[in-house]
Amino acid sequence: MSDRSDRDTFELRGDPVAIETALTELGPLVWASFIGADRALVRCEAETSPEVSDVLEHYGDVAAQIRTAAYAVIGLVGPRASELLNEVDLTPSGLIIREGRDSFEIVLPADHGPQLWDFLIEAGKPFDLACVGHDALDRLAASRRTGRSA
């Protein structure tokens, strides 16, 4: 488990087709989830945020705002992450975005972050949940891409 506040969060509002088109253009730069018919949350690495902003500016039917400070984001990574998420009830406070195989982000209002963190620490004990830093997660992701040990 890790605090993923190092990444940026955009909130998109507007025509659902235009949002889908924008997300398709952004491709692998972002991961996203619709949170309503005309609303989506988009996550990206902080260093790609300017590029994401530039792309979104070209969509007149989509209003995009950087809302990073409004959300807490907790990353769950590992072979038992999905199992843990299936055991806990995050509704209505948390939105789960699947980042990749065995990799998830839980996005929720910033003021609920500390409570969810503490809850997951307790709920994760049977799953051998451990807290790790960003560097450890980034090295793990790199090792999975290259097939080398971290």
Protein backbone atom coordinates (compact mmCIF):
# COMPACT_ATOMS: atom_id res chain seq x y z
CA MET A 1 0.00 0.00 0.00
CA SER A 2 1.30 3.45 -0.85
CA ASP A 3 0.25 7.09 -0.85
CA ARG A 4 -0.03 8.02 -4.54
CA SER A 5 -0.43 11.77 -4.11
CA ASP A 6 2.68 12.17 -6.27
CA ARG A 7 0.42 11.86 -9.34
CA ASP A 8 -2.01 14.44 -10.70
CA THR A 9 -5.77 14.09 -10.82
CA PHE A 10 -7.95 15.83 -13.41
CA GLU A 11 -11.71 16.02 -13.24
CA LEU A 12 -13.44 16.07 -16.62
CA ARG A 13 -17.01 17.17 -17.19
CA GLY A 14 -18.95 17.38 -20.42
CA ASP A 15 -20.20 15.39 -23.33
CA PRO A 16 -19.51 11.67 -22.67
CA VAL A 17 -18.49 11.03 -26.29
CA ALA A 18 -16.05 13.95 -26.20
CA ILE A 19 -14.60 12.68 -22.91
CA GLU A 20 -14.16 9.19 -24.41
CA THR A 21 -12.48 10.70 -27.49
CA ALA A 22 -10.12 12.74 -25.32
CA LEU A 23 -9.25 9.69 -23.22
CA THR A 24 -8.55 7.69 -26.38
CA GLU A 25 -6.20 10.42 -27.62
CA LEU A 26 -4.41 10.53 -24.27
CA GLY A 27 -3.96 6.76 -24.40
CA PRO A 28 -1.19 5.40 -22.19
CA LEU A 29 -0.46 8.80 -20.62
CA VAL A 30 -3.46 8.41 -18.31
CA TRP A 31 -5.71 5.97 -16.52
CA ALA A 32 -9.29 7.00 -15.88
CA SER A 33 -12.71 6.06 -14.64
CA PHE A 34 -16.13 7.55 -15.29
CA ILE A 35 -17.80 8.67 -12.06
CA GLY A 36 -21.01 9.74 -13.76
CA ALA A 37 -22.50 9.86 -17.25
CA ASP A 38 -20.74 13.15 -17.99
CA ARG A 39 -17.89 13.12 -15.48
CA ALA A 40 -14.56 11.27 -15.25
CA LEU A 41 -11.47 11.27 -13.07
CA VAL A 42 -8.17 11.06 -14.92
CA ARG A 43 -4.84 10.22 -13.28
CA CYS A 44 -1.38 10.81 -14.71
CA GLU A 45 2.23 11.09 -13.65
CA ALA A 46 3.07 14.63 -12.51
CA GLU A 47 5.67 15.03 -15.26
CA THR A 48 3.09 14.31 -18.01
CA SER A 49 0.48 16.67 -16.54
CA PRO A 50 1.37 19.59 -18.87
CA GLU A 51 0.99 17.32 -21.92
CA VAL A 52 -2.35 16.02 -20.63
CA SER A 53 -3.53 19.62 -20.07
CA ASP A 54 -2.49 20.59 -23.62
CA VAL A 55 -4.47 17.72 -25.15
CA LEU A 56 -7.56 18.44 -23.04
CA GLU A 57 -7.55 22.13 -24.03
CA HIS A 58 -8.47 21.09 -27.58
CA TYR A 59 -11.79 19.60 -26.50
CA GLY A 60 -14.35 22.38 -26.27
CA ASP A 61 -17.06 20.01 -25.07
CA VAL A 62 -14.90 18.91 -22.11
CA ALA A 63 -14.19 21.06 -19.05
CA ALA A 64 -11.00 19.86 -17.38
CA GLN A 65 -9.68 20.96 -14.00
CA ILE A 66 -6.65 19.78 -12.08
CA ARG A 67 -8.11 18.57 -8.77
CA THR A 68 -5.13 16.80 -7.24
CA ALA A 69 -5.50 18.49 -3.83
CA ALA A 70 -9.19 17.55 -3.62
CA TYR A 71 -8.47 13.81 -3.63
CA ALA A 72 -6.50 11.32 -1.58
CA VAL A 73 -5.16 8.40 -3.58
CA ILE A 74 -4.01 5.12 -2.06
CA GLY A 75 -2.24 2.57 -4.22
CA LEU A 76 -2.66 -1.16 -3.68
CA VAL A 77 -0.24 -3.38 -5.55
CA GLY A 78 0.43 -7.07 -5.37
CA PRO A 79 -0.97 -10.51 -6.03
CA ARG A 80 -3.53 -10.19 -3.21
CA ALA A 81 -4.61 -6.58 -3.88
CA SER A 82 -7.72 -7.65 -5.79
CA GLU A 83 -8.61 -10.14 -3.07
CA LEU A 84 -8.36 -7.42 -0.41
CA LEU A 85 -10.50 -5.03 -2.47
CA ASN A 86 -13.14 -7.73 -2.83
CA GLU A 87 -13.25 -8.12 0.97
CA VAL A 88 -13.71 -4.45 1.90
CA ASP A 89 -16.61 -2.12 1.18
CA LEU A 90 -15.37 1.21 -0.12
CA THR A 91 -18.74 2.56 -1.20
CA PRO A 92 -19.65 5.34 -1.30
CA SER A 93 -16.34 7.00 -0.45
CA GLY A 94 -13.83 5.31 -2.73
CA LEU A 95 -13.47 4.91 -6.48
CA ILE A 96 -11.20 2.09 -7.61
CA ILE A 97 -9.15 2.60 -10.76
CA ARG A 98 -7.35 -0.45 -12.11
CA GLU A 99 -3.88 0.63 -13.18
CA GLY A 100 -2.67 -2.73 -14.38
CA ARG A 101 -2.46 -6.35 -13.37
CA ASP A 102 -2.50 -6.52 -9.56
CA SER A 103 -2.30 -2.71 -9.37
CA PHE A 104 -5.11 -0.42 -8.21
CA GLU A 105 -5.63 3.12 -7.03
CA ILE A 106 -8.38 4.09 -4.61
CA VAL A 107 -9.44 7.69 -5.16
CA LEU A 108 -11.55 9.43 -2.53
CA PRO A 109 -12.15 12.90 -1.10
CA ALA A 110 -8.95 14.15 0.57
CA ASP A 111 -10.51 14.53 4.01
CA HIS A 112 -11.40 10.80 4.04
CA GLY A 113 -7.89 9.62 3.15
CA PRO A 114 -6.48 9.17 6.68
CA GLN A 115 -9.50 7.15 7.83
CA LEU A 116 -9.33 4.85 4.80
CA TRP A 117 -5.58 4.42 5.26
CA ASP A 118 -6.10 3.27 8.87
CA PHE A 119 -9.01 1.04 7.85
CA LEU A 120 -6.94 -0.65 5.11
CA ILE A 121 -4.01 -1.20 7.49
CA GLU A 122 -6.34 -3.21 9.76
CA ALA A 123 -8.30 -4.92 6.96
CA GLY A 124 -5.05 -5.81 5.19
CA LYS A 125 -3.45 -7.69 8.07
CA PRO A 126 -4.79 -11.11 6.94
CA PHE A 127 -3.38 -10.32 3.48
CA ASP A 128 0.13 -9.39 4.76
CA LEU A 129 -0.39 -5.81 3.64
CA ALA A 130 2.74 -3.65 3.89
CA CYS A 131 3.27 0.07 3.38
CA VAL A 132 5.87 1.02 0.78
CA GLY A 133 7.16 4.22 -0.78
CA HIS A 134 6.81 5.46 -4.36
CA ASP A 135 10.33 4.37 -5.31
CA ALA A 136 9.62 0.76 -4.33
CA LEU A 137 6.46 0.71 -6.44
CA ASP A 138 8.20 2.33 -9.40
CA ARG A 139 11.04 -0.20 -9.24
CA LEU A 140 8.56 -3.06 -9.01
CA ALA A 141 6.71 -1.76 -12.07
CA ALA A 142 9.99 -1.39 -13.98
CA SER A 143 11.08 -4.91 -13.05
CA ARG A 144 7.77 -6.30 -14.31
CA ARG A 145 8.18 -4.46 -17.63
CA THR A 146 11.75 -5.65 -18.15
CA GLY A 147 11.50 -9.08 -16.52
CA ARG A 148 14.41 -8.28 -14.16
CA SER A 149 14.41 -8.37 -10.36
CA ALA A 150 13.94 -5.05 -8.60
